[in-house]
Amino acid sequence: MSDAMALVTVGSTDLGALRGLTDAFRAADLPVVHVVDTTALDEVASDCELDVELLDAGGVQTMCRGEMAMALGTGGAFDATPLDALLRGLGVDTIIVGGPIASARVSASVTAAELRGYRVLLATEELAVTLGAYLRAA
């Protein structure tokens, strides 16, 4: 497993296994980026206050636990967002994409990441549980 990996959540983060995986990334001090729909913030599992004006203006917000948030555009997480520049600046080469698996935005995010040369894993329930356990044990 790469030390240069990040978790990118797309849309809703209020999913059981994804919450556990997010906690594991936090504990391992690995980057977590939430690409959120600012019109549906109730789907984002966070105890941090999000600055909707900053996000809607294309900004990146550093949240209370050091995680980052940015607004989701009309397509996937890489469409009209600073996500690629942010990840490259962090030296990330592997991303775990999480969100509602049936979402077209998640699918578009995975495809866009692959086209940009990232190693990509989709955070299915099984992967979230297995990778979360691995990170907690490391």
Protein backbone atom coordinates (compact mmCIF):
# COMPACT_ATOMS: atom_id res chain seq x y z
CA MET A 1 0.00 0.00 0.00
CA SER A 2 1.29 3.46 -0.88
CA ASP A 3 2.11 6.01 1.81
CA ALA A 4 1.17 8.62 -0.80
CA MET A 5 -2.53 7.88 -0.77
CA ALA A 6 -5.59 9.93 0.02
CA LEU A 7 -9.26 9.28 0.60
CA VAL A 8 -11.54 11.34 -1.65
CA THR A 9 -15.21 11.27 -0.72
CA VAL A 10 -17.66 12.33 -3.41
CA GLY A 11 -21.07 13.63 -2.47
CA SER A 12 -22.43 11.85 0.59
CA THR A 13 -20.06 10.78 3.32
CA ASP A 14 -22.88 9.58 5.54
CA LEU A 15 -22.27 5.91 4.73
CA GLY A 16 -21.39 3.43 7.48
CA ALA A 17 -18.27 1.79 6.07
CA LEU A 18 -17.06 5.04 4.53
CA ARG A 19 -17.26 6.70 7.94
CA GLY A 20 -15.08 3.94 9.39
CA LEU A 21 -12.58 4.27 6.52
CA THR A 22 -12.46 8.04 7.03
CA ASP A 23 -11.69 7.47 10.71
CA ALA A 24 -8.89 5.06 9.75
CA PHE A 25 -7.35 7.60 7.34
CA ARG A 26 -7.50 10.24 10.09
CA ALA A 27 -5.80 7.89 12.56
CA ALA A 28 -3.08 7.08 10.01
CA ASP A 29 -2.61 10.83 9.35
CA LEU A 30 -3.38 10.39 5.65
CA PRO A 31 -5.15 13.08 3.60
CA VAL A 32 -8.94 13.10 3.44
CA VAL A 33 -10.65 15.34 0.88
CA HIS A 34 -14.42 15.76 0.84
CA VAL A 35 -15.83 16.92 -2.49
CA VAL A 36 -19.28 17.98 -1.39
CA ASP A 37 -22.54 19.03 -2.97
CA THR A 38 -23.10 22.33 -1.20
CA THR A 39 -26.84 22.04 -1.82
CA ALA A 40 -26.98 18.79 0.20
CA LEU A 41 -24.65 19.36 3.15
CA ASP A 42 -26.85 17.26 5.42
CA GLU A 43 -25.35 14.23 3.61
CA VAL A 44 -21.85 15.14 4.78
CA ALA A 45 -20.98 13.45 8.07
CA SER A 46 -18.94 16.18 9.72
CA ASP A 47 -18.87 17.97 13.02
CA CYS A 48 -16.98 20.78 11.31
CA GLU A 49 -18.65 23.93 10.05
CA LEU A 50 -18.35 24.24 6.28
CA ASP A 51 -17.94 27.65 4.65
CA VAL A 52 -20.41 27.34 1.76
CA GLU A 53 -19.43 30.72 0.28
CA LEU A 54 -15.76 29.71 0.13
CA LEU A 55 -16.58 26.32 -1.36
CA ASP A 56 -19.01 27.73 -3.94
CA ALA A 57 -16.33 30.25 -4.97
CA GLY A 58 -13.99 27.35 -5.84
CA GLY A 59 -11.95 27.49 -2.66
CA VAL A 60 -10.56 24.67 -0.56
CA GLN A 61 -11.45 24.70 3.13
CA THR A 62 -9.24 23.08 5.71
CA MET A 63 -11.63 21.58 8.22
CA CYS A 64 -11.30 21.12 11.96
CA ARG A 65 -9.51 17.75 11.77
CA GLY A 66 -7.13 18.82 9.01
CA GLU A 67 -9.35 17.33 6.34
CA MET A 68 -10.08 19.38 3.27
CA ALA A 69 -13.36 20.19 1.55
CA MET A 70 -14.26 21.61 -1.83
CA ALA A 71 -17.48 21.99 -3.79
CA LEU A 72 -18.58 19.31 -6.22
CA GLY A 73 -19.22 20.69 -9.68
CA THR A 74 -21.65 19.36 -12.25
CA GLY A 75 -19.66 16.21 -12.98
CA GLY A 76 -17.17 14.26 -10.92
CA ALA A 77 -14.71 15.34 -8.26
CA PHE A 78 -12.10 16.47 -10.80
CA ASP A 79 -14.45 18.56 -12.99
CA ALA A 80 -13.85 22.29 -12.47
CA THR A 81 -12.31 21.76 -9.01
CA PRO A 82 -8.77 22.21 -7.65
CA LEU A 83 -8.65 18.52 -6.62
CA ASP A 84 -5.91 17.40 -9.02
CA ALA A 85 -3.60 20.29 -8.07
CA LEU A 86 -4.28 19.68 -4.37
CA LEU A 87 -3.50 15.95 -4.58
CA ARG A 88 -0.36 16.49 -6.66
CA GLY A 89 0.80 19.14 -4.19
CA LEU A 90 0.45 16.57 -1.42
CA GLY A 91 2.46 14.03 -3.44
CA VAL A 92 -0.51 11.66 -3.70
CA ASP A 93 -0.30 8.92 -6.32
CA THR A 94 -3.06 6.61 -5.07
CA ILE A 95 -6.61 7.60 -4.22
CA ILE A 96 -9.45 5.74 -2.63
CA VAL A 97 -12.73 7.13 -3.97
CA GLY A 98 -15.74 6.78 -1.72
CA GLY A 99 -19.36 7.73 -2.02
CA PRO A 100 -22.63 6.21 -3.16
CA ILE A 101 -21.33 3.47 -5.49
CA ALA A 102 -24.23 3.81 -7.93
CA SER A 103 -23.58 7.54 -8.30
CA ALA A 104 -22.56 8.78 -11.74
CA ARG A 105 -20.39 11.36 -9.95
CA VAL A 106 -18.40 8.61 -8.21
CA SER A 107 -17.97 6.78 -11.52
CA ALA A 108 -16.88 9.99 -13.26
CA SER A 109 -14.42 10.69 -10.44
CA VAL A 110 -12.82 7.25 -10.74
CA THR A 111 -12.50 7.58 -14.51
CA ALA A 112 -11.05 11.10 -14.29
CA ALA A 113 -8.50 10.00 -11.68
CA GLU A 114 -7.37 7.08 -13.83
CA LEU A 115 -7.03 9.36 -16.87
CA ARG A 116 -4.81 11.64 -14.78
CA GLY A 117 -2.50 8.76 -13.89
CA TYR A 118 -3.56 8.01 -10.32
CA ARG A 119 -3.86 4.50 -8.98
CA VAL A 120 -7.50 4.30 -7.98
CA LEU A 121 -9.52 2.05 -5.70
CA LEU A 122 -13.26 2.32 -5.29
CA ALA A 123 -14.26 2.20 -1.64
CA THR A 124 -16.72 -0.64 -1.71
CA GLU A 125 -18.04 -1.94 1.61
CA GLU A 126 -15.48 -4.78 1.56
CA LEU A 127 -12.54 -2.54 0.69
CA ALA A 128 -13.55 0.02 3.33
CA VAL A 129 -13.62 -2.62 6.05
CA THR A 130 -10.38 -4.35 4.95
CA LEU A 131 -8.36 -1.17 4.29
CA GLY A 132 -9.68 0.45 7.46
CA ALA A 133 -8.48 -2.53 9.52
CA TYR A 134 -5.08 -2.44 7.74
CA LEU A 135 -4.59 1.28 8.44
CA ARG A 136 -5.61 0.94 12.08
CA ALA A 137 -3.12 -1.92 12.53
CA ALA A 138 -0.24 -0.09 10.81
